[in-house]
N, C-alpha and C. Protein backbone atom coordinates (compact mmCIF):
# COMPACT_ATOMS: atom_id res chain seq x y z
N UNK A 1 -6.07 -1.05 -29.69
CA UNK A 1 -5.19 -1.95 -28.96
C UNK A 1 -4.51 -1.23 -27.80
N UNK A 2 -3.95 -0.03 -28.09
CA UNK A 2 -3.26 0.71 -27.04
C UNK A 2 -4.20 1.08 -25.90
N UNK A 3 -5.43 1.45 -26.25
CA UNK A 3 -6.40 1.81 -25.22
C UNK A 3 -6.73 0.60 -24.37
N UNK A 4 -6.87 -0.56 -24.98
CA UNK A 4 -7.16 -1.80 -24.25
C UNK A 4 -6.01 -2.11 -23.29
N UNK A 5 -4.79 -1.96 -23.76
CA UNK A 5 -3.61 -2.20 -22.92
C UNK A 5 -3.55 -1.19 -21.78
N UNK A 6 -3.84 0.07 -22.08
CA UNK A 6 -3.83 1.10 -21.03
C UNK A 6 -4.89 0.80 -19.97
N UNK A 7 -6.05 0.33 -20.41
CA UNK A 7 -7.11 0.00 -19.46
C UNK A 7 -6.70 -1.18 -18.59
N UNK A 8 -6.09 -2.19 -19.18
CA UNK A 8 -5.63 -3.35 -18.41
C UNK A 8 -4.56 -2.93 -17.42
N UNK A 9 -3.63 -2.07 -17.86
CA UNK A 9 -2.59 -1.58 -16.95
C UNK A 9 -3.20 -0.81 -15.78
N UNK A 10 -4.21 0.00 -16.08
CA UNK A 10 -4.91 0.74 -15.03
C UNK A 10 -5.57 -0.19 -14.03
N UNK A 11 -6.20 -1.25 -14.54
CA UNK A 11 -6.83 -2.23 -13.64
C UNK A 11 -5.77 -2.95 -12.80
N UNK A 12 -4.63 -3.25 -13.41
CA UNK A 12 -3.55 -3.92 -12.68
C UNK A 12 -3.04 -3.04 -11.54
N UNK A 13 -2.88 -1.75 -11.82
CA UNK A 13 -2.42 -0.82 -10.78
C UNK A 13 -3.46 -0.73 -9.67
N UNK A 14 -4.72 -0.68 -10.02
CA UNK A 14 -5.79 -0.63 -9.00
C UNK A 14 -5.77 -1.89 -8.13
N UNK A 15 -5.52 -3.06 -8.74
CA UNK A 15 -5.42 -4.31 -7.95
C UNK A 15 -4.23 -4.24 -7.00
N UNK A 16 -3.11 -3.67 -7.47
CA UNK A 16 -1.94 -3.52 -6.59
C UNK A 16 -2.24 -2.56 -5.45
N UNK A 17 -2.97 -1.48 -5.74
CA UNK A 17 -3.35 -0.54 -4.68
C UNK A 17 -4.18 -1.25 -3.63
N UNK A 18 -5.07 -2.11 -4.09
CA UNK A 18 -5.90 -2.88 -3.16
C UNK A 18 -5.04 -3.85 -2.36
N UNK A 19 -4.14 -4.52 -3.05
CA UNK A 19 -3.28 -5.52 -2.41
C UNK A 19 -2.36 -4.89 -1.36
N UNK A 20 -1.78 -3.75 -1.67
CA UNK A 20 -0.81 -3.13 -0.77
C UNK A 20 -1.42 -2.11 0.18
N UNK A 21 -2.63 -1.69 -0.10
CA UNK A 21 -3.32 -0.75 0.79
C UNK A 21 -2.49 0.47 1.10
N UNK A 22 -2.37 0.81 2.40
CA UNK A 22 -1.63 2.01 2.78
C UNK A 22 -0.13 1.94 2.47
N UNK A 23 0.37 0.76 2.17
CA UNK A 23 1.79 0.60 1.84
C UNK A 23 2.07 0.75 0.35
N UNK A 24 1.04 1.11 -0.43
CA UNK A 24 1.22 1.20 -1.88
C UNK A 24 2.28 2.24 -2.25
N UNK A 25 2.26 3.38 -1.61
CA UNK A 25 3.23 4.43 -1.94
C UNK A 25 4.66 3.95 -1.68
N UNK A 26 4.85 3.27 -0.57
CA UNK A 26 6.16 2.71 -0.25
C UNK A 26 6.57 1.67 -1.29
N UNK A 27 5.61 0.86 -1.70
CA UNK A 27 5.83 -0.15 -2.74
C UNK A 27 6.31 0.51 -4.03
N UNK A 28 5.65 1.58 -4.44
CA UNK A 28 6.02 2.31 -5.66
C UNK A 28 7.40 2.95 -5.50
N UNK A 29 7.66 3.54 -4.34
CA UNK A 29 8.96 4.18 -4.11
C UNK A 29 10.11 3.19 -4.18
N UNK A 30 9.90 1.98 -3.67
CA UNK A 30 10.94 0.95 -3.76
C UNK A 30 11.20 0.61 -5.22
N UNK A 31 10.15 0.51 -6.01
CA UNK A 31 10.31 0.23 -7.44
C UNK A 31 11.04 1.34 -8.16
N UNK A 32 10.71 2.58 -7.85
CA UNK A 32 11.38 3.73 -8.47
C UNK A 32 12.86 3.73 -8.10
N UNK A 33 13.14 3.42 -6.84
CA UNK A 33 14.54 3.38 -6.39
C UNK A 33 15.33 2.34 -7.19
N UNK A 34 14.74 1.17 -7.39
CA UNK A 34 15.42 0.11 -8.13
C UNK A 34 15.64 0.52 -9.58
N UNK A 35 14.60 1.07 -10.21
CA UNK A 35 14.71 1.48 -11.61
C UNK A 35 15.81 2.53 -11.77
N UNK A 36 15.86 3.47 -10.85
CA UNK A 36 16.88 4.51 -10.91
C UNK A 36 18.27 3.92 -10.67
N UNK A 37 18.39 3.06 -9.66
CA UNK A 37 19.70 2.47 -9.34
C UNK A 37 20.21 1.60 -10.49
N UNK A 38 19.29 0.96 -11.19
CA UNK A 38 19.67 0.10 -12.31
C UNK A 38 19.83 0.87 -13.61
N UNK A 39 19.48 2.15 -13.60
CA UNK A 39 19.61 2.98 -14.79
C UNK A 39 18.61 2.62 -15.88
N UNK A 40 17.43 2.16 -15.49
CA UNK A 40 16.41 1.78 -16.47
C UNK A 40 15.71 3.03 -17.00
N UNK A 41 15.73 3.19 -18.30
CA UNK A 41 15.04 4.33 -18.90
C UNK A 41 13.60 3.93 -19.24
N UNK A 42 12.84 4.88 -19.74
CA UNK A 42 11.42 4.66 -20.03
C UNK A 42 11.22 3.55 -21.06
N UNK A 43 12.08 3.50 -22.08
CA UNK A 43 11.94 2.46 -23.10
C UNK A 43 12.18 1.07 -22.51
N UNK A 44 13.16 0.94 -21.64
CA UNK A 44 13.45 -0.34 -21.01
C UNK A 44 12.29 -0.77 -20.12
N UNK A 45 11.76 0.18 -19.35
CA UNK A 45 10.62 -0.13 -18.48
C UNK A 45 9.41 -0.56 -19.30
N UNK A 46 9.17 0.12 -20.41
CA UNK A 46 8.05 -0.25 -21.30
C UNK A 46 8.27 -1.65 -21.84
N UNK A 47 9.51 -1.98 -22.21
CA UNK A 47 9.82 -3.32 -22.69
C UNK A 47 9.57 -4.38 -21.63
N UNK A 48 9.96 -4.08 -20.40
CA UNK A 48 9.71 -5.02 -19.30
C UNK A 48 8.21 -5.22 -19.09
N UNK A 49 7.48 -4.12 -19.09
CA UNK A 49 6.04 -4.19 -18.91
C UNK A 49 5.37 -4.99 -20.03
N UNK A 50 5.85 -4.82 -21.25
CA UNK A 50 5.30 -5.55 -22.39
C UNK A 50 5.60 -7.05 -22.28
N UNK A 51 6.81 -7.36 -21.81
CA UNK A 51 7.21 -8.76 -21.70
C UNK A 51 6.56 -9.46 -20.52
N UNK A 52 6.46 -8.75 -19.40
CA UNK A 52 6.01 -9.38 -18.16
C UNK A 52 4.58 -9.00 -17.79
N UNK A 53 4.21 -7.82 -17.93
CA UNK A 53 2.98 -7.11 -17.59
C UNK A 53 3.30 -6.10 -16.49
N UNK A 54 2.45 -5.13 -16.33
CA UNK A 54 2.71 -4.01 -15.42
C UNK A 54 2.85 -4.48 -13.98
N UNK A 55 1.93 -5.30 -13.51
CA UNK A 55 1.96 -5.74 -12.11
C UNK A 55 3.23 -6.51 -11.79
N UNK A 56 3.61 -7.42 -12.66
CA UNK A 56 4.82 -8.21 -12.42
C UNK A 56 6.07 -7.34 -12.44
N UNK A 57 6.10 -6.37 -13.36
CA UNK A 57 7.24 -5.46 -13.43
C UNK A 57 7.33 -4.63 -12.15
N UNK A 58 6.20 -4.11 -11.69
CA UNK A 58 6.20 -3.31 -10.48
C UNK A 58 6.64 -4.14 -9.28
N UNK A 59 6.15 -5.37 -9.20
CA UNK A 59 6.54 -6.24 -8.07
C UNK A 59 8.03 -6.58 -8.12
N UNK A 60 8.53 -6.87 -9.30
CA UNK A 60 9.95 -7.17 -9.45
C UNK A 60 10.81 -5.98 -9.02
N UNK A 61 10.47 -4.80 -9.49
CA UNK A 61 11.26 -3.62 -9.14
C UNK A 61 11.14 -3.27 -7.66
N UNK A 62 9.95 -3.42 -7.08
CA UNK A 62 9.78 -3.15 -5.65
C UNK A 62 10.60 -4.13 -4.81
N UNK A 63 10.60 -5.40 -5.20
CA UNK A 63 11.39 -6.40 -4.48
C UNK A 63 12.88 -6.08 -4.59
N UNK A 64 13.30 -5.67 -5.77
CA UNK A 64 14.70 -5.29 -5.98
C UNK A 64 15.04 -4.05 -5.15
N UNK A 65 14.17 -3.06 -5.20
CA UNK A 65 14.40 -1.82 -4.45
C UNK A 65 14.47 -2.03 -2.96
N UNK A 66 13.70 -2.98 -2.45
CA UNK A 66 13.73 -3.22 -1.00
C UNK A 66 15.03 -3.89 -0.57
N UNK A 67 15.75 -4.46 -1.52
CA UNK A 67 17.00 -5.13 -1.19
C UNK A 67 18.24 -4.29 -1.47
N UNK A 68 18.07 -3.17 -2.13
CA UNK A 68 19.21 -2.30 -2.42
C UNK A 68 19.77 -1.74 -1.12
N UNK A 69 21.05 -1.78 -0.99
CA UNK A 69 21.69 -1.20 0.19
C UNK A 69 21.57 -2.04 1.43
N UNK A 70 21.25 -3.33 1.30
CA UNK A 70 21.09 -4.16 2.47
C UNK A 70 22.33 -4.98 2.81
N UNK A 71 23.43 -4.71 2.13
CA UNK A 71 24.65 -5.46 2.43
C UNK A 71 25.10 -5.22 3.85
N UNK A 72 25.96 -6.08 4.38
CA UNK A 72 26.37 -5.96 5.77
C UNK A 72 27.06 -4.64 6.09
N UNK A 73 27.68 -4.00 5.12
CA UNK A 73 28.33 -2.73 5.39
C UNK A 73 27.34 -1.59 5.46
N UNK A 74 26.09 -1.82 5.03
CA UNK A 74 25.13 -0.74 4.99
C UNK A 74 23.96 -0.90 5.93
N UNK A 75 23.72 -2.09 6.41
CA UNK A 75 22.65 -2.28 7.38
C UNK A 75 23.27 -2.63 8.71
N UNK A 76 22.59 -2.39 9.76
CA UNK A 76 23.10 -2.73 11.06
C UNK A 76 22.85 -1.59 12.02
N UNK A 77 23.69 -1.49 13.01
CA UNK A 77 23.53 -0.46 14.01
C UNK A 77 24.67 0.52 13.86
N UNK A 78 24.36 1.81 13.86
CA UNK A 78 25.38 2.83 13.73
C UNK A 78 26.26 2.85 14.97
N UNK A 79 27.53 2.58 14.80
CA UNK A 79 28.57 2.75 15.82
C UNK A 79 28.14 2.34 17.21
N UNK A 80 27.49 1.20 17.33
CA UNK A 80 27.10 0.72 18.64
C UNK A 80 25.91 1.45 19.22
N UNK A 81 25.31 2.33 18.44
CA UNK A 81 24.15 3.08 18.93
C UNK A 81 22.89 2.23 18.90
N UNK A 82 21.78 2.86 19.04
CA UNK A 82 20.51 2.16 19.11
C UNK A 82 19.66 2.38 17.86
N UNK A 83 20.28 2.70 16.74
CA UNK A 83 19.52 3.04 15.55
C UNK A 83 19.80 2.08 14.40
N UNK A 84 19.14 0.91 14.39
CA UNK A 84 19.33 0.02 13.24
C UNK A 84 18.76 0.69 11.99
N UNK A 85 19.42 0.48 10.88
CA UNK A 85 18.98 1.09 9.64
C UNK A 85 17.82 0.33 9.03
N UNK A 86 16.89 1.07 8.50
CA UNK A 86 15.78 0.54 7.72
C UNK A 86 15.92 1.18 6.35
N UNK A 87 15.82 0.41 5.25
CA UNK A 87 15.97 1.04 3.93
C UNK A 87 15.02 2.22 3.77
N UNK A 88 15.55 3.38 3.48
CA UNK A 88 14.78 4.62 3.41
C UNK A 88 13.69 4.55 2.34
N UNK A 89 13.98 3.94 1.21
CA UNK A 89 13.00 3.89 0.12
C UNK A 89 11.75 3.11 0.50
N UNK A 90 11.84 2.29 1.53
CA UNK A 90 10.68 1.49 1.93
C UNK A 90 9.78 2.24 2.91
N UNK A 91 10.14 3.47 3.28
CA UNK A 91 9.41 4.22 4.29
C UNK A 91 8.39 5.17 3.68
N UNK A 92 7.29 5.32 4.38
CA UNK A 92 6.32 6.37 4.06
C UNK A 92 6.84 7.66 4.69
N UNK A 93 6.30 8.82 4.33
CA UNK A 93 6.75 10.06 4.98
C UNK A 93 6.59 10.02 6.51
N UNK A 94 5.50 9.44 6.99
CA UNK A 94 5.29 9.35 8.44
C UNK A 94 6.33 8.44 9.08
N UNK A 95 6.63 7.33 8.44
CA UNK A 95 7.66 6.43 8.96
C UNK A 95 9.02 7.11 8.95
N UNK A 96 9.29 7.92 7.92
CA UNK A 96 10.55 8.66 7.87
C UNK A 96 10.64 9.64 9.03
N UNK A 97 9.53 10.31 9.36
CA UNK A 97 9.52 11.22 10.52
C UNK A 97 9.84 10.47 11.80
N UNK A 98 9.23 9.29 11.97
CA UNK A 98 9.50 8.49 13.16
C UNK A 98 10.96 8.04 13.21
N UNK A 99 11.51 7.69 12.07
CA UNK A 99 12.91 7.28 11.98
C UNK A 99 13.82 8.46 12.33
N UNK A 100 13.48 9.65 11.86
CA UNK A 100 14.25 10.85 12.20
C UNK A 100 14.21 11.08 13.71
N UNK A 101 13.02 10.97 14.29
CA UNK A 101 12.88 11.14 15.74
C UNK A 101 13.73 10.13 16.49
N UNK A 102 13.70 8.90 16.04
CA UNK A 102 14.45 7.84 16.71
C UNK A 102 15.96 8.10 16.61
N UNK A 103 16.40 8.47 15.42
CA UNK A 103 17.83 8.77 15.24
C UNK A 103 18.24 10.00 16.06
N UNK A 104 17.38 11.00 16.13
CA UNK A 104 17.69 12.22 16.88
C UNK A 104 17.93 11.91 18.36
N UNK A 105 17.23 10.92 18.88
CA UNK A 105 17.38 10.54 20.29
C UNK A 105 18.58 9.62 20.52
N UNK A 106 19.19 9.15 19.46
CA UNK A 106 20.34 8.25 19.55
C UNK A 106 21.62 9.09 19.54
N UNK A 107 22.23 9.26 20.70
CA UNK A 107 23.41 10.11 20.81
C UNK A 107 24.54 9.67 19.89
N UNK A 108 24.75 8.35 19.77
CA UNK A 108 25.83 7.86 18.92
C UNK A 108 25.60 8.22 17.45
N UNK A 109 24.36 8.09 17.00
CA UNK A 109 24.05 8.45 15.62
C UNK A 109 24.29 9.94 15.39
N UNK A 110 23.81 10.76 16.30
CA UNK A 110 23.95 12.20 16.13
C UNK A 110 25.42 12.63 16.17
N UNK A 111 26.24 11.94 16.95
CA UNK A 111 27.68 12.23 16.95
C UNK A 111 28.25 11.97 15.56
N UNK A 112 27.82 10.87 14.94
CA UNK A 112 28.31 10.56 13.59
C UNK A 112 27.88 11.62 12.59
N UNK A 113 26.66 12.09 12.71
CA UNK A 113 26.14 13.09 11.78
C UNK A 113 26.97 14.37 11.86
N UNK A 114 27.36 14.76 13.06
CA UNK A 114 28.02 16.06 13.22
C UNK A 114 29.54 15.98 13.33
N UNK A 115 30.12 14.78 13.42
CA UNK A 115 31.59 14.65 13.49
C UNK A 115 32.10 14.22 12.13
N UNK A 116 32.46 15.19 11.30
CA UNK A 116 32.88 14.87 9.94
C UNK A 116 34.26 14.21 9.87
N UNK A 117 34.92 14.02 11.00
CA UNK A 117 36.19 13.30 11.01
C UNK A 117 36.00 11.81 11.30
N UNK A 118 34.82 11.43 11.72
CA UNK A 118 34.55 10.02 12.05
C UNK A 118 34.36 9.21 10.77
N UNK A 119 34.91 7.98 10.72
CA UNK A 119 34.76 7.15 9.50
C UNK A 119 33.31 6.85 9.12
N UNK A 120 32.40 6.86 10.08
CA UNK A 120 31.00 6.58 9.78
C UNK A 120 30.18 7.82 9.45
N UNK A 121 30.83 8.97 9.43
CA UNK A 121 30.10 10.23 9.20
C UNK A 121 29.37 10.26 7.86
N UNK A 122 30.06 9.88 6.78
CA UNK A 122 29.46 9.99 5.44
C UNK A 122 28.18 9.17 5.35
N UNK A 123 28.21 7.95 5.87
CA UNK A 123 27.03 7.09 5.82
C UNK A 123 25.90 7.66 6.67
N UNK A 124 26.22 8.13 7.87
CA UNK A 124 25.20 8.70 8.75
C UNK A 124 24.61 9.97 8.13
N UNK A 125 25.47 10.82 7.58
CA UNK A 125 25.00 12.07 6.96
C UNK A 125 24.09 11.77 5.77
N UNK A 126 24.48 10.79 4.95
CA UNK A 126 23.66 10.41 3.80
C UNK A 126 22.28 9.94 4.25
N UNK A 127 22.24 9.12 5.29
CA UNK A 127 20.96 8.63 5.81
C UNK A 127 20.13 9.81 6.32
N UNK A 128 20.76 10.70 7.04
CA UNK A 128 20.09 11.88 7.58
C UNK A 128 19.43 12.66 6.44
N UNK A 129 20.17 12.87 5.36
CA UNK A 129 19.62 13.61 4.21
C UNK A 129 18.50 12.84 3.51
N UNK A 130 18.70 11.52 3.34
CA UNK A 130 17.67 10.71 2.67
C UNK A 130 16.37 10.71 3.47
N UNK A 131 16.47 10.58 4.77
CA UNK A 131 15.26 10.58 5.59
C UNK A 131 14.53 11.92 5.49
N UNK A 132 15.27 13.01 5.55
CA UNK A 132 14.63 14.33 5.46
C UNK A 132 14.03 14.57 4.07
N UNK A 133 14.59 13.96 3.05
CA UNK A 133 14.04 14.10 1.69
C UNK A 133 12.71 13.36 1.55
N UNK A 134 12.46 12.39 2.42
CA UNK A 134 11.22 11.60 2.34
C UNK A 134 10.02 12.33 2.93
N UNK A 135 10.25 13.37 3.73
CA UNK A 135 9.11 14.04 4.39
C UNK A 135 8.73 15.32 3.69
């Protein structure tokens, strides 16, 4: 029985890889982010997978992960600069590099990163670190 379930789960993951193509890694990262943010342990995830199935669980967590941190205080443009935020967990390493390049060229964003007295510094610094962790 367990082997049959493992095989079905493997097939489900392969279908998701086909469905998401080059965005599969980003899809998985969004799901991991949601599971971590929600404090879901391995037993809880196994229970979800048993109740819903692997593909549905992965899609639910990825959808949740893509929405984490999207509140009005966390998305938008940094201090009038030209760098709208994109949820970091939804980025591939290459997209993170492009985002770093874009932020580096945005003088207002870089001022926030290096001015630890500015009210937006903590958020900008956190984003800076998250983006660099993705590459």
